[in-house]
Amino acid sequence: MNLYRIRFQDNQIPETSNALVHLEVWQKPELLYQLLHLVYKETIVDYALLIKQMLQYNRPIRAFLEFGCGTAPVTASFIEFFGIRRDIKAYFCDIQTIAFHYAAYRFWKIKTAVPFLLTPENDFKLSLHSPVDAIFCVTVFEHLNKPLETVREFFNLLSPGGLLLFDYIKTEGVGMDTHQGARERNDVLDFVENHFEIVHGELSKEKDTGLIIARKD
């Protein structure tokens, strides 16, 4: 695990808008660490708390999306602590990495847990057309090749009064963080401020935001 962690830190995402290049970086064998790390992280992070906060600020929930899901810990916590609900769809999506394949496999028998693959042919755009009542985008924005376009997609996908639960780490765009993620950070935060009501957290441009819960106006 530590060996792959060291190799993981050496990976770099070049400054390019080429979606295929972006995907190839995330598919390198060194990223086996990502799966080990995310599975371990599920044992120490209270993802169920995120779900409780979602339910606190928005009832009822008919569908939610876990974007950039990795191993889909939010979906896993929802199923574990709230049961398999036929009246609630749990969508989860990511690019084609080993972590996403793990997530798709762990839920393959659950019809209300629906995976969506973000493909380079579609420039990693969401292929989900059904509105959702909440979107989770945690430790993801800094890794995206088009974060501003993505948050606009979130706004269009959310139902009226829907919630966006996210954070945005402030980085220099090195390692596995993208140059676009660093460059468009302020624009993303401005978009959220102008189109959402902040019901939890603080939009900070000077430091990591921490968890933000924003309600669509």
N, C-alpha and C. Protein backbone atom coordinates (compact mmCIF):
# COMPACT_ATOMS: atom_id res chain seq x y z
N MET A 1 0.83 -1.21 0.00
CA MET A 1 0.00 0.00 0.00
C MET A 1 0.86 1.26 0.00
N ASN A 2 1.90 1.28 0.83
CA ASN A 2 2.77 2.46 0.89
C ASN A 2 3.57 2.63 -0.40
N LEU A 3 3.95 1.51 -1.04
CA LEU A 3 4.67 1.59 -2.30
C LEU A 3 3.82 2.25 -3.37
N TYR A 4 2.57 1.83 -3.47
CA TYR A 4 1.68 2.44 -4.46
C TYR A 4 1.34 3.88 -4.11
N ARG A 5 1.31 4.20 -2.81
CA ARG A 5 1.08 5.59 -2.40
C ARG A 5 2.19 6.48 -2.94
N ILE A 6 3.44 6.03 -2.86
CA ILE A 6 4.57 6.81 -3.37
C ILE A 6 4.46 6.99 -4.87
N ARG A 7 4.12 5.91 -5.56
CA ARG A 7 3.99 5.99 -7.01
C ARG A 7 2.81 6.87 -7.42
N PHE A 8 1.73 6.81 -6.65
CA PHE A 8 0.55 7.63 -6.89
C PHE A 8 0.92 9.11 -6.86
N GLN A 9 1.78 9.50 -5.92
CA GLN A 9 2.16 10.91 -5.77
C GLN A 9 2.99 11.40 -6.95
N ASP A 10 3.60 10.49 -7.71
CA ASP A 10 4.42 10.89 -8.85
C ASP A 10 3.60 11.14 -10.10
N ASN A 11 2.34 10.71 -10.11
CA ASN A 11 1.50 10.91 -11.29
C ASN A 11 1.19 12.39 -11.48
N GLN A 12 1.15 12.82 -12.73
CA GLN A 12 0.87 14.21 -13.06
C GLN A 12 -0.21 14.25 -14.14
N ILE A 13 -1.13 15.21 -14.01
CA ILE A 13 -2.12 15.45 -15.05
C ILE A 13 -1.65 16.62 -15.89
N PRO A 14 -1.32 16.40 -17.17
CA PRO A 14 -0.81 17.50 -18.00
C PRO A 14 -1.87 18.56 -18.23
N GLU A 15 -1.43 19.75 -18.53
CA GLU A 15 -2.36 20.85 -18.80
C GLU A 15 -2.88 20.70 -20.22
N THR A 16 -3.98 19.98 -20.33
CA THR A 16 -4.58 19.71 -21.62
C THR A 16 -6.08 19.59 -21.46
N SER A 17 -6.81 19.92 -22.52
CA SER A 17 -8.26 19.75 -22.52
C SER A 17 -8.66 18.42 -23.15
N ASN A 18 -7.67 17.61 -23.51
CA ASN A 18 -7.92 16.31 -24.13
C ASN A 18 -8.46 15.34 -23.09
N ALA A 19 -9.71 14.95 -23.23
CA ALA A 19 -10.34 14.09 -22.23
C ALA A 19 -9.70 12.71 -22.17
N LEU A 20 -9.21 12.21 -23.31
CA LEU A 20 -8.60 10.89 -23.34
C LEU A 20 -7.29 10.88 -22.55
N VAL A 21 -6.51 11.94 -22.68
CA VAL A 21 -5.27 12.05 -21.91
C VAL A 21 -5.57 12.10 -20.42
N HIS A 22 -6.60 12.84 -20.05
CA HIS A 22 -7.02 12.93 -18.65
C HIS A 22 -7.37 11.54 -18.11
N LEU A 23 -8.11 10.77 -18.90
CA LEU A 23 -8.51 9.43 -18.47
C LEU A 23 -7.30 8.51 -18.34
N GLU A 24 -6.37 8.58 -19.29
CA GLU A 24 -5.20 7.69 -19.28
C GLU A 24 -4.36 7.89 -18.03
N VAL A 25 -4.27 9.13 -17.55
CA VAL A 25 -3.50 9.39 -16.33
C VAL A 25 -4.13 8.68 -15.15
N TRP A 26 -5.47 8.69 -15.08
CA TRP A 26 -6.18 8.06 -13.96
C TRP A 26 -6.27 6.55 -14.09
N GLN A 27 -5.83 6.00 -15.22
CA GLN A 27 -5.87 4.55 -15.41
C GLN A 27 -4.49 3.90 -15.26
N LYS A 28 -3.48 4.67 -14.89
CA LYS A 28 -2.15 4.09 -14.73
C LYS A 28 -2.15 3.03 -13.62
N PRO A 29 -1.35 1.98 -13.77
CA PRO A 29 -1.31 0.92 -12.75
C PRO A 29 -0.96 1.43 -11.36
N GLU A 30 -0.21 2.53 -11.29
CA GLU A 30 0.17 3.08 -9.98
C GLU A 30 -1.05 3.49 -9.16
N LEU A 31 -2.17 3.72 -9.83
CA LEU A 31 -3.37 4.16 -9.12
C LEU A 31 -4.11 3.03 -8.43
N LEU A 32 -3.51 1.85 -8.39
CA LEU A 32 -4.06 0.79 -7.55
C LEU A 32 -4.18 1.29 -6.12
N TYR A 33 -3.29 2.19 -5.72
CA TYR A 33 -3.36 2.78 -4.37
C TYR A 33 -4.69 3.47 -4.14
N GLN A 34 -5.24 4.08 -5.18
CA GLN A 34 -6.50 4.81 -5.01
C GLN A 34 -7.59 3.91 -4.45
N LEU A 35 -7.68 2.69 -4.96
CA LEU A 35 -8.69 1.76 -4.47
C LEU A 35 -8.42 1.38 -3.02
N LEU A 36 -7.16 1.06 -2.71
CA LEU A 36 -6.80 0.70 -1.34
C LEU A 36 -7.13 1.84 -0.38
N HIS A 37 -6.77 3.05 -0.77
CA HIS A 37 -6.99 4.23 0.07
C HIS A 37 -8.47 4.49 0.28
N LEU A 38 -9.27 4.42 -0.79
CA LEU A 38 -10.69 4.75 -0.68
C LEU A 38 -11.45 3.71 0.14
N VAL A 39 -11.11 2.44 -0.04
CA VAL A 39 -11.77 1.41 0.76
C VAL A 39 -11.43 1.58 2.23
N TYR A 40 -10.16 1.89 2.53
CA TYR A 40 -9.76 2.15 3.92
C TYR A 40 -10.46 3.39 4.46
N LYS A 41 -10.58 4.42 3.63
CA LYS A 41 -11.19 5.68 4.07
C LYS A 41 -12.65 5.48 4.48
N GLU A 42 -13.33 4.54 3.85
CA GLU A 42 -14.73 4.28 4.19
C GLU A 42 -14.89 3.83 5.64
N THR A 43 -13.84 3.25 6.21
CA THR A 43 -13.93 2.75 7.59
C THR A 43 -13.74 3.84 8.62
N ILE A 44 -13.23 5.01 8.23
CA ILE A 44 -12.91 6.05 9.21
C ILE A 44 -13.66 7.36 8.99
N VAL A 45 -14.36 7.50 7.86
CA VAL A 45 -15.09 8.73 7.57
C VAL A 45 -16.59 8.47 7.73
N ASP A 46 -17.29 9.39 8.37
CA ASP A 46 -18.72 9.24 8.63
C ASP A 46 -19.52 9.75 7.43
N TYR A 47 -19.62 8.91 6.39
CA TYR A 47 -20.38 9.30 5.21
C TYR A 47 -21.88 9.34 5.51
N ALA A 48 -22.31 8.57 6.50
CA ALA A 48 -23.73 8.60 6.87
C ALA A 48 -24.15 9.99 7.34
N LEU A 49 -23.20 10.74 7.90
CA LEU A 49 -23.50 12.10 8.33
C LEU A 49 -23.89 12.98 7.15
N LEU A 50 -23.24 12.77 6.00
CA LEU A 50 -23.61 13.53 4.81
C LEU A 50 -25.05 13.26 4.40
N ILE A 51 -25.44 12.01 4.51
CA ILE A 51 -26.81 11.64 4.15
C ILE A 51 -27.81 12.27 5.12
N LYS A 52 -27.47 12.26 6.41
CA LYS A 52 -28.34 12.89 7.40
C LYS A 52 -28.51 14.38 7.12
N GLN A 53 -27.40 15.02 6.70
CA GLN A 53 -27.49 16.44 6.38
C GLN A 53 -28.32 16.67 5.13
N MET A 54 -28.22 15.78 4.17
CA MET A 54 -29.06 15.87 2.97
C MET A 54 -30.53 15.80 3.36
N LEU A 55 -30.88 14.85 4.21
CA LEU A 55 -32.27 14.68 4.62
C LEU A 55 -32.73 15.84 5.50
N GLN A 56 -31.80 16.42 6.25
CA GLN A 56 -32.14 17.53 7.13
C GLN A 56 -32.56 18.76 6.32
N TYR A 57 -31.88 19.01 5.21
CA TYR A 57 -32.12 20.24 4.46
C TYR A 57 -33.06 20.06 3.27
N ASN A 58 -33.39 18.81 2.94
CA ASN A 58 -34.25 18.61 1.78
C ASN A 58 -35.06 17.32 1.94
N ARG A 59 -36.34 17.47 2.16
CA ARG A 59 -37.25 16.32 2.21
C ARG A 59 -38.44 16.59 1.29
N PRO A 60 -38.96 15.62 0.58
CA PRO A 60 -38.44 14.27 0.47
C PRO A 60 -37.36 14.16 -0.60
N ILE A 61 -36.58 13.11 -0.56
CA ILE A 61 -35.57 12.82 -1.56
C ILE A 61 -36.05 11.67 -2.42
N ARG A 62 -36.14 11.92 -3.71
CA ARG A 62 -36.56 10.86 -4.64
C ARG A 62 -35.38 10.25 -5.39
N ALA A 63 -34.31 11.06 -5.56
CA ALA A 63 -33.12 10.58 -6.25
C ALA A 63 -31.94 11.46 -5.88
N PHE A 64 -30.76 10.86 -5.78
CA PHE A 64 -29.55 11.65 -5.57
C PHE A 64 -28.44 11.09 -6.44
N LEU A 65 -27.41 11.92 -6.65
CA LEU A 65 -26.28 11.55 -7.49
C LEU A 65 -24.99 11.70 -6.69
N GLU A 66 -24.15 10.68 -6.73
CA GLU A 66 -22.80 10.75 -6.16
C GLU A 66 -21.83 10.89 -7.33
N PHE A 67 -21.31 12.10 -7.53
CA PHE A 67 -20.49 12.41 -8.70
C PHE A 67 -19.01 12.25 -8.35
N GLY A 68 -18.24 11.66 -9.28
CA GLY A 68 -16.84 11.39 -8.99
C GLY A 68 -16.73 10.43 -7.83
N CYS A 69 -17.52 9.36 -7.89
CA CYS A 69 -17.83 8.56 -6.71
C CYS A 69 -16.69 7.71 -6.19
N GLY A 70 -15.70 7.36 -7.04
CA GLY A 70 -14.70 6.41 -6.57
C GLY A 70 -15.35 5.09 -6.22
N THR A 71 -15.26 4.69 -4.97
CA THR A 71 -15.90 3.45 -4.51
C THR A 71 -17.35 3.65 -4.09
N ALA A 72 -17.88 4.85 -4.30
CA ALA A 72 -19.28 5.21 -3.97
C ALA A 72 -19.60 5.03 -2.49
N PRO A 73 -18.85 5.67 -1.60
CA PRO A 73 -19.09 5.51 -0.16
C PRO A 73 -20.41 6.10 0.32
N VAL A 74 -20.88 7.17 -0.31
CA VAL A 74 -22.15 7.76 0.10
C VAL A 74 -23.30 6.81 -0.23
N THR A 75 -23.27 6.25 -1.43
CA THR A 75 -24.28 5.28 -1.81
C THR A 75 -24.23 4.06 -0.90
N ALA A 76 -23.03 3.61 -0.58
CA ALA A 76 -22.87 2.45 0.31
C ALA A 76 -23.44 2.73 1.69
N SER A 77 -23.18 3.93 2.22
CA SER A 77 -23.69 4.29 3.55
C SER A 77 -25.20 4.41 3.53
N PHE A 78 -25.74 4.95 2.45
CA PHE A 78 -27.20 5.07 2.35
C PHE A 78 -27.85 3.69 2.40
N ILE A 79 -27.30 2.76 1.63
CA ILE A 79 -27.87 1.41 1.60
C ILE A 79 -27.69 0.71 2.94
N GLU A 80 -26.54 0.90 3.58
CA GLU A 80 -26.26 0.22 4.84
C GLU A 80 -27.12 0.74 5.98
N PHE A 81 -27.26 2.07 6.07
CA PHE A 81 -27.93 2.65 7.24
C PHE A 81 -29.41 2.98 7.00
N PHE A 82 -29.82 3.11 5.74
CA PHE A 82 -31.20 3.48 5.45
C PHE A 82 -31.93 2.40 4.66
N GLY A 83 -31.21 1.34 4.29
CA GLY A 83 -31.84 0.22 3.61
C GLY A 83 -32.02 0.47 2.13
N ILE A 84 -32.38 -0.58 1.42
CA ILE A 84 -32.66 -0.48 -0.01
C ILE A 84 -34.07 0.07 -0.18
N ARG A 85 -34.15 1.28 -0.70
CA ARG A 85 -35.43 1.96 -0.84
C ARG A 85 -35.88 1.94 -2.30
N ARG A 86 -37.02 1.35 -2.56
CA ARG A 86 -37.52 1.33 -3.93
C ARG A 86 -37.96 2.69 -4.41
N ASP A 87 -38.25 3.59 -3.46
CA ASP A 87 -38.75 4.91 -3.84
C ASP A 87 -37.63 5.93 -4.00
N ILE A 88 -36.37 5.54 -3.77
CA ILE A 88 -35.24 6.45 -3.90
C ILE A 88 -34.18 5.84 -4.80
N LYS A 89 -33.82 6.56 -5.86
CA LYS A 89 -32.77 6.13 -6.77
C LYS A 89 -31.43 6.73 -6.31
N ALA A 90 -30.41 5.89 -6.28
CA ALA A 90 -29.05 6.33 -5.97
C ALA A 90 -28.20 6.19 -7.23
N TYR A 91 -27.94 7.31 -7.90
CA TYR A 91 -27.08 7.30 -9.08
C TYR A 91 -25.64 7.57 -8.64
N PHE A 92 -24.69 6.89 -9.25
CA PHE A 92 -23.29 7.19 -8.96
C PHE A 92 -22.48 7.11 -10.26
N CYS A 93 -21.50 8.01 -10.40
CA CYS A 93 -20.77 8.07 -11.67
C CYS A 93 -19.32 8.46 -11.44
N ASP A 94 -18.49 8.05 -12.38
CA ASP A 94 -17.07 8.39 -12.36
C ASP A 94 -16.47 7.99 -13.70
N ILE A 95 -15.20 8.35 -13.88
CA ILE A 95 -14.49 7.89 -15.06
C ILE A 95 -14.10 6.43 -14.87
N GLN A 96 -13.61 5.81 -15.92
CA GLN A 96 -13.38 4.37 -15.92
C GLN A 96 -12.07 4.03 -15.20
N THR A 97 -12.16 3.95 -13.87
CA THR A 97 -11.01 3.58 -13.04
C THR A 97 -11.35 2.29 -12.29
N ILE A 98 -10.34 1.72 -11.67
CA ILE A 98 -10.55 0.49 -10.91
C ILE A 98 -11.51 0.74 -9.74
N ALA A 99 -11.47 1.94 -9.17
CA ALA A 99 -12.37 2.26 -8.05
C ALA A 99 -13.83 2.26 -8.50
N PHE A 100 -14.10 2.81 -9.69
CA PHE A 100 -15.47 2.84 -10.19
C PHE A 100 -15.95 1.42 -10.52
N HIS A 101 -15.10 0.60 -11.08
CA HIS A 101 -15.48 -0.78 -11.38
C HIS A 101 -15.82 -1.52 -10.08
N TYR A 102 -15.05 -1.24 -9.03
CA TYR A 102 -15.33 -1.83 -7.72
C TYR A 102 -16.72 -1.40 -7.24
N ALA A 103 -17.04 -0.11 -7.39
CA ALA A 103 -18.34 0.40 -6.96
C ALA A 103 -19.47 -0.24 -7.76
N ALA A 104 -19.31 -0.32 -9.08
CA ALA A 104 -20.35 -0.90 -9.92
C ALA A 104 -20.58 -2.37 -9.56
N TYR A 105 -19.50 -3.07 -9.24
CA TYR A 105 -19.62 -4.49 -8.90
C TYR A 105 -20.33 -4.69 -7.56
N ARG A 106 -20.00 -3.84 -6.57
CA ARG A 106 -20.56 -4.05 -5.23
C ARG A 106 -22.06 -3.82 -5.19
N PHE A 107 -22.60 -3.05 -6.13
CA PHE A 107 -24.03 -2.76 -6.14
C PHE A 107 -24.78 -3.40 -7.30
N TRP A 108 -24.17 -4.33 -8.01
CA TRP A 108 -24.76 -4.79 -9.26
C TRP A 108 -26.09 -5.50 -9.07
N LYS A 109 -26.37 -6.00 -7.87
CA LYS A 109 -27.64 -6.68 -7.62
C LYS A 109 -28.74 -5.73 -7.14
N ILE A 110 -28.38 -4.48 -6.89
CA ILE A 110 -29.35 -3.52 -6.34
C ILE A 110 -29.86 -2.63 -7.47
N LYS A 111 -31.11 -2.80 -7.85
CA LYS A 111 -31.65 -2.12 -9.03
C LYS A 111 -31.79 -0.61 -8.83
N THR A 112 -31.93 -0.17 -7.57
CA THR A 112 -32.10 1.27 -7.33
C THR A 112 -30.75 2.00 -7.22
N ALA A 113 -29.64 1.27 -7.27
CA ALA A 113 -28.31 1.87 -7.31
C ALA A 113 -27.80 1.77 -8.74
N VAL A 114 -27.73 2.91 -9.42
CA VAL A 114 -27.51 2.92 -10.87
C VAL A 114 -26.18 3.59 -11.22
N PRO A 115 -25.23 2.85 -11.82
CA PRO A 115 -23.94 3.44 -12.19
C PRO A 115 -24.02 4.15 -13.54
N PHE A 116 -23.26 5.25 -13.66
CA PHE A 116 -23.12 5.96 -14.93
C PHE A 116 -21.63 6.18 -15.18
N LEU A 117 -21.17 5.77 -16.34
CA LEU A 117 -19.76 5.93 -16.69
C LEU A 117 -19.56 7.26 -17.42
N LEU A 118 -18.58 8.05 -16.97
CA LEU A 118 -18.22 9.28 -17.66
C LEU A 118 -17.13 8.95 -18.67
N THR A 119 -17.42 9.12 -19.95
CA THR A 119 -16.51 8.65 -21.00
C THR A 119 -15.78 9.81 -21.68
N PRO A 120 -14.55 9.56 -22.14
CA PRO A 120 -13.83 10.62 -22.86
C PRO A 120 -14.50 10.97 -24.19
N GLU A 121 -15.20 10.00 -24.80
CA GLU A 121 -15.90 10.27 -26.06
C GLU A 121 -16.96 11.35 -25.87
N ASN A 122 -17.52 11.41 -24.66
CA ASN A 122 -18.53 12.43 -24.34
C ASN A 122 -17.94 13.56 -23.52
N ASP A 123 -16.61 13.63 -23.51
CA ASP A 123 -15.89 14.68 -22.78
C ASP A 123 -16.24 14.67 -21.29
N PHE A 124 -16.51 13.48 -20.75
CA PHE A 124 -16.83 13.27 -19.34
C PHE A 124 -18.11 13.97 -18.90
N LYS A 125 -18.99 14.29 -19.83
CA LYS A 125 -20.23 14.95 -19.47
C LYS A 125 -21.23 13.93 -18.92
N LEU A 126 -22.11 14.39 -18.05
CA LEU A 126 -23.12 13.53 -17.47
C LEU A 126 -24.12 13.09 -18.53
N SER A 127 -24.43 11.81 -18.54
CA SER A 127 -25.45 11.29 -19.46
C SER A 127 -26.77 11.07 -18.74
N LEU A 128 -26.85 11.58 -17.51
CA LEU A 128 -28.07 11.45 -16.71
C LEU A 128 -29.03 12.58 -17.08
N HIS A 129 -30.26 12.22 -17.41
CA HIS A 129 -31.23 13.22 -17.84
C HIS A 129 -32.40 13.37 -16.87
N SER A 130 -32.50 12.48 -15.91
CA SER A 130 -33.55 12.58 -14.90
C SER A 130 -33.11 13.54 -13.81
N PRO A 131 -33.99 14.45 -13.36
CA PRO A 131 -33.61 15.38 -12.29
C PRO A 131 -33.35 14.65 -10.98
N VAL A 132 -32.48 15.21 -10.18
CA VAL A 132 -32.17 14.65 -8.86
C VAL A 132 -32.39 15.71 -7.80
N ASP A 133 -32.57 15.27 -6.56
CA ASP A 133 -32.84 16.18 -5.46
C ASP A 133 -31.58 16.55 -4.68
N ALA A 134 -30.49 15.83 -4.91
CA ALA A 134 -29.23 16.13 -4.24
C ALA A 134 -28.08 15.58 -5.06
N ILE A 135 -26.97 16.31 -5.04
CA ILE A 135 -25.74 15.87 -5.70
C ILE A 135 -24.59 15.97 -4.70
N PHE A 136 -23.87 14.87 -4.55
CA PHE A 136 -22.67 14.84 -3.72
C PHE A 136 -21.45 14.93 -4.64
N CYS A 137 -20.58 15.90 -4.36
CA CYS A 137 -19.35 16.07 -5.15
C CYS A 137 -18.23 16.39 -4.15
N VAL A 138 -17.73 15.36 -3.48
CA VAL A 138 -16.81 15.53 -2.36
C VAL A 138 -15.39 15.13 -2.78
N THR A 139 -14.43 16.02 -2.54
CA THR A 139 -13.02 15.87 -2.95
C THR A 139 -12.92 15.50 -4.42
N VAL A 140 -13.64 16.26 -5.25
CA VAL A 140 -13.68 15.97 -6.68
C VAL A 140 -13.32 17.17 -7.53
N PHE A 141 -13.83 18.36 -7.22
CA PHE A 141 -13.69 19.52 -8.09
C PHE A 141 -12.24 19.79 -8.49
N GLU A 142 -11.31 19.63 -7.56
CA GLU A 142 -9.91 19.94 -7.85
C GLU A 142 -9.28 18.96 -8.84
N HIS A 143 -9.98 17.85 -9.14
CA HIS A 143 -9.46 16.85 -10.08
C HIS A 143 -10.09 16.96 -11.47
N LEU A 144 -11.06 17.83 -11.64
CA LEU A 144 -11.83 17.87 -12.89
C LEU A 144 -11.10 18.65 -13.98
N ASN A 145 -11.37 18.26 -15.23
CA ASN A 145 -10.77 19.01 -16.34
C ASN A 145 -11.65 20.18 -16.77
N LYS A 146 -12.94 20.17 -16.34
CA LYS A 146 -13.84 21.29 -16.65
C LYS A 146 -14.77 21.54 -15.46
N PRO A 147 -14.23 22.03 -14.35
CA PRO A 147 -15.06 22.19 -13.15
C PRO A 147 -16.19 23.21 -13.30
N LEU A 148 -15.97 24.31 -14.01
CA LEU A 148 -17.02 25.32 -14.16
C LEU A 148 -18.17 24.77 -14.99
N GLU A 149 -17.86 24.08 -16.06
CA GLU A 149 -18.90 23.46 -16.87
C GLU A 149 -19.66 22.40 -16.06
N THR A 150 -18.95 21.71 -15.20
CA THR A 150 -19.57 20.66 -14.39
C THR A 150 -20.57 21.24 -13.41
N VAL A 151 -20.21 22.33 -12.72
CA VAL A 151 -21.14 22.91 -11.75
C VAL A 151 -22.37 23.47 -12.45
N ARG A 152 -22.22 23.92 -13.67
CA ARG A 152 -23.40 24.36 -14.44
C ARG A 152 -24.30 23.18 -14.77
N GLU A 153 -23.69 22.03 -15.08
CA GLU A 153 -24.47 20.82 -15.33
C GLU A 153 -25.22 20.41 -14.07
N PHE A 154 -24.56 20.55 -12.91
CA PHE A 154 -25.21 20.23 -11.64
C PHE A 154 -26.46 21.09 -11.45
N PHE A 155 -26.33 22.38 -11.72
CA PHE A 155 -27.45 23.31 -11.53
C PHE A 155 -28.63 22.90 -12.40
N ASN A 156 -28.36 22.54 -13.64
CA ASN A 156 -29.43 22.15 -14.56
C ASN A 156 -30.06 20.82 -14.17
N LEU A 157 -29.27 19.95 -13.56
CA LEU A 157 -29.76 18.62 -13.22
C LEU A 157 -30.58 18.62 -11.93
N LEU A 158 -30.29 19.54 -11.03
CA LEU A 158 -30.98 19.57 -9.74
C LEU A 158 -32.43 20.04 -9.90
N SER A 159 -33.32 19.42 -9.18
CA SER A 159 -34.70 19.86 -9.14
C SER A 159 -34.79 21.15 -8.31
N PRO A 160 -35.86 21.93 -8.43
CA PRO A 160 -36.01 23.15 -7.63
C PRO A 160 -35.89 22.83 -6.14
N GLY A 161 -35.05 23.60 -5.44
CA GLY A 161 -34.80 23.34 -4.03
C GLY A 161 -33.80 22.23 -3.77
N GLY A 162 -33.23 21.67 -4.84
CA GLY A 162 -32.26 20.58 -4.69
C GLY A 162 -30.97 21.05 -4.06
N LEU A 163 -30.22 20.09 -3.51
CA LEU A 163 -29.01 20.40 -2.76
C LEU A 163 -27.75 19.97 -3.51
N LEU A 164 -26.73 20.80 -3.44
CA LEU A 164 -25.39 20.45 -3.89
C LEU A 164 -24.50 20.38 -2.65
N LEU A 165 -24.00 19.20 -2.34
CA LEU A 165 -23.11 19.00 -1.19
C LEU A 165 -21.71 18.77 -1.73
N PHE A 166 -20.79 19.69 -1.44
CA PHE A 166 -19.47 19.61 -2.05
C PHE A 166 -18.43 20.28 -1.16
N ASP A 167 -17.18 20.04 -1.52
CA ASP A 167 -16.07 20.83 -0.99
C ASP A 167 -15.15 21.16 -2.15
N TYR A 168 -14.21 22.07 -1.91
CA TYR A 168 -13.28 22.44 -2.97
C TYR A 168 -11.94 22.77 -2.32
N ILE A 169 -11.01 21.86 -2.49
CA ILE A 169 -9.68 22.03 -1.91
C ILE A 169 -8.91 23.05 -2.73
N LYS A 170 -8.21 23.95 -2.06
CA LYS A 170 -7.40 24.97 -2.75
C LYS A 170 -6.03 24.39 -3.03
N THR A 171 -5.69 24.22 -4.29
CA THR A 171 -4.41 23.61 -4.67
C THR A 171 -3.73 24.46 -5.74
N GLU A 172 -2.52 24.04 -6.08
CA GLU A 172 -1.77 24.70 -7.15
C GLU A 172 -1.90 23.95 -8.47
N GLY A 173 -2.74 22.92 -8.49
CA GLY A 173 -2.93 22.17 -9.72
C GLY A 173 -1.78 21.25 -10.05
N VAL A 174 -1.18 20.64 -9.03
CA VAL A 174 -0.05 19.73 -9.25
C VAL A 174 -0.46 18.32 -8.85
N GLY A 175 0.36 17.34 -9.27
CA GLY A 175 0.05 15.95 -8.96
C GLY A 175 -1.22 15.53 -9.66
N MET A 176 -2.16 14.96 -8.90
CA MET A 176 -3.41 14.50 -9.48
C MET A 176 -4.48 15.59 -9.50
N ASP A 177 -4.15 16.79 -9.02
CA ASP A 177 -5.04 17.94 -9.16
C ASP A 177 -4.78 18.57 -10.52
N THR A 178 -5.83 19.08 -11.16
CA THR A 178 -5.67 19.62 -12.50
C THR A 178 -5.39 21.12 -12.47
N HIS A 179 -4.76 21.59 -13.55
CA HIS A 179 -4.55 23.03 -13.69
C HIS A 179 -5.90 23.74 -13.81
N GLN A 180 -6.83 23.11 -14.51
CA GLN A 180 -8.17 23.71 -14.66
C GLN A 180 -8.88 23.78 -13.31
N GLY A 181 -8.69 22.76 -12.48
CA GLY A 181 -9.31 22.76 -11.17
C GLY A 181 -8.84 23.91 -10.31
N ALA A 182 -7.55 24.26 -10.44
CA ALA A 182 -7.00 25.40 -9.70
C ALA A 182 -7.41 26.72 -10.34
N ARG A 183 -7.36 26.77 -11.68
CA ARG A 183 -7.60 28.03 -12.39
C ARG A 183 -9.06 28.46 -12.32
N GLU A 184 -10.02 27.50 -12.35
CA GLU A 184 -11.43 27.84 -12.40
C GLU A 184 -12.10 27.83 -11.03
N ARG A 185 -11.32 27.65 -9.97
CA ARG A 185 -11.89 27.50 -8.63
C ARG A 185 -12.75 28.70 -8.23
N ASN A 186 -12.22 29.90 -8.40
CA ASN A 186 -12.98 31.09 -8.00
C ASN A 186 -14.25 31.25 -8.83
N ASP A 187 -14.18 30.90 -10.11
CA ASP A 187 -15.36 31.00 -10.98
C ASP A 187 -16.45 30.02 -10.52
N VAL A 188 -16.04 28.83 -10.11
CA VAL A 188 -17.00 27.84 -9.61
C VAL A 188 -17.68 28.36 -8.35
N LEU A 189 -16.88 28.89 -7.42
CA LEU A 189 -17.43 29.40 -6.17
C LEU A 189 -18.35 30.60 -6.42
N ASP A 190 -17.98 31.45 -7.39
CA ASP A 190 -18.85 32.58 -7.74
C ASP A 190 -20.17 32.09 -8.32
N PHE A 191 -20.11 31.07 -9.16
CA PHE A 191 -21.33 30.52 -9.74
C PHE A 191 -22.25 29.98 -8.66
N VAL A 192 -21.68 29.25 -7.71
CA VAL A 192 -22.48 28.70 -6.61
C VAL A 192 -23.12 29.83 -5.80
N GLU A 193 -22.34 30.86 -5.52
CA GLU A 193 -22.86 31.98 -4.73
C GLU A 193 -24.01 32.69 -5.44
N ASN A 194 -23.93 32.78 -6.76
CA ASN A 194 -24.92 33.52 -7.53
C ASN A 194 -26.17 32.71 -7.87
N HIS A 195 -26.09 31.39 -7.78
CA HIS A 195 -27.20 30.55 -8.22
C HIS A 195 -27.78 29.66 -7.12
N PHE A 196 -27.14 29.66 -5.95
CA PHE A 196 -27.58 28.81 -4.86
C PHE A 196 -27.69 29.62 -3.57
N GLU A 197 -28.46 29.08 -2.65
CA GLU A 197 -28.48 29.60 -1.28
C GLU A 197 -27.59 28.70 -0.42
N ILE A 198 -26.62 29.28 0.26
CA ILE A 198 -25.72 28.50 1.10
C ILE A 198 -26.41 28.25 2.44
N VAL A 199 -26.70 26.99 2.72
CA VAL A 199 -27.40 26.66 3.97
C VAL A 199 -26.46 26.04 5.00
N HIS A 200 -25.24 25.71 4.56
CA HIS A 200 -24.25 25.15 5.50
C HIS A 200 -22.86 25.42 4.94
N GLY A 201 -21.95 25.88 5.81
CA GLY A 201 -20.57 26.10 5.41
C GLY A 201 -20.32 27.51 4.91
N GLU A 202 -19.09 27.72 4.43
CA GLU A 202 -18.67 29.05 3.98
C GLU A 202 -17.87 28.92 2.69
N LEU A 203 -18.23 29.71 1.69
CA LEU A 203 -17.49 29.72 0.43
C LEU A 203 -16.22 30.54 0.59
N SER A 204 -15.10 29.88 0.75
CA SER A 204 -13.84 30.57 0.97
C SER A 204 -12.93 30.41 -0.25
N LYS A 205 -12.45 31.52 -0.76
CA LYS A 205 -11.51 31.49 -1.88
C LYS A 205 -10.06 31.44 -1.40
N GLU A 206 -9.84 31.71 -0.13
CA GLU A 206 -8.48 31.77 0.40
C GLU A 206 -7.99 30.45 0.96
N LYS A 207 -8.89 29.51 1.24
CA LYS A 207 -8.50 28.24 1.84
C LYS A 207 -9.49 27.16 1.41
N ASP A 208 -9.23 25.93 1.82
CA ASP A 208 -10.17 24.84 1.55
C ASP A 208 -11.54 25.21 2.09
N THR A 209 -12.58 24.89 1.35
CA THR A 209 -13.91 25.33 1.77
C THR A 209 -14.47 24.51 2.93
N GLY A 210 -14.06 23.25 3.07
CA GLY A 210 -14.79 22.37 3.95
C GLY A 210 -16.12 22.04 3.29
N LEU A 211 -16.98 21.34 3.99
CA LEU A 211 -18.25 20.94 3.40
C LEU A 211 -19.18 22.14 3.21
N ILE A 212 -19.68 22.26 1.99
CA ILE A 212 -20.66 23.29 1.65
C ILE A 212 -21.97 22.58 1.25
N ILE A 213 -23.08 23.05 1.77
CA ILE A 213 -24.37 22.57 1.31
C ILE A 213 -25.11 23.78 0.72
N ALA A 214 -25.38 23.70 -0.58
CA ALA A 214 -26.00 24.80 -1.29
C ALA A 214 -27.33 24.35 -1.87
N ARG A 215 -28.37 25.17 -1.67
CA ARG A 215 -29.71 24.85 -2.18
C ARG A 215 -29.98 25.66 -3.44
N LYS A 216 -30.45 24.97 -4.47
CA LYS A 216 -30.76 25.64 -5.72
C LYS A 216 -31.90 26.62 -5.53
N ASP A 217 -31.69 27.85 -5.99
CA ASP A 217 -32.73 28.88 -5.88
C ASP A 217 -33.92 28.56 -6.77
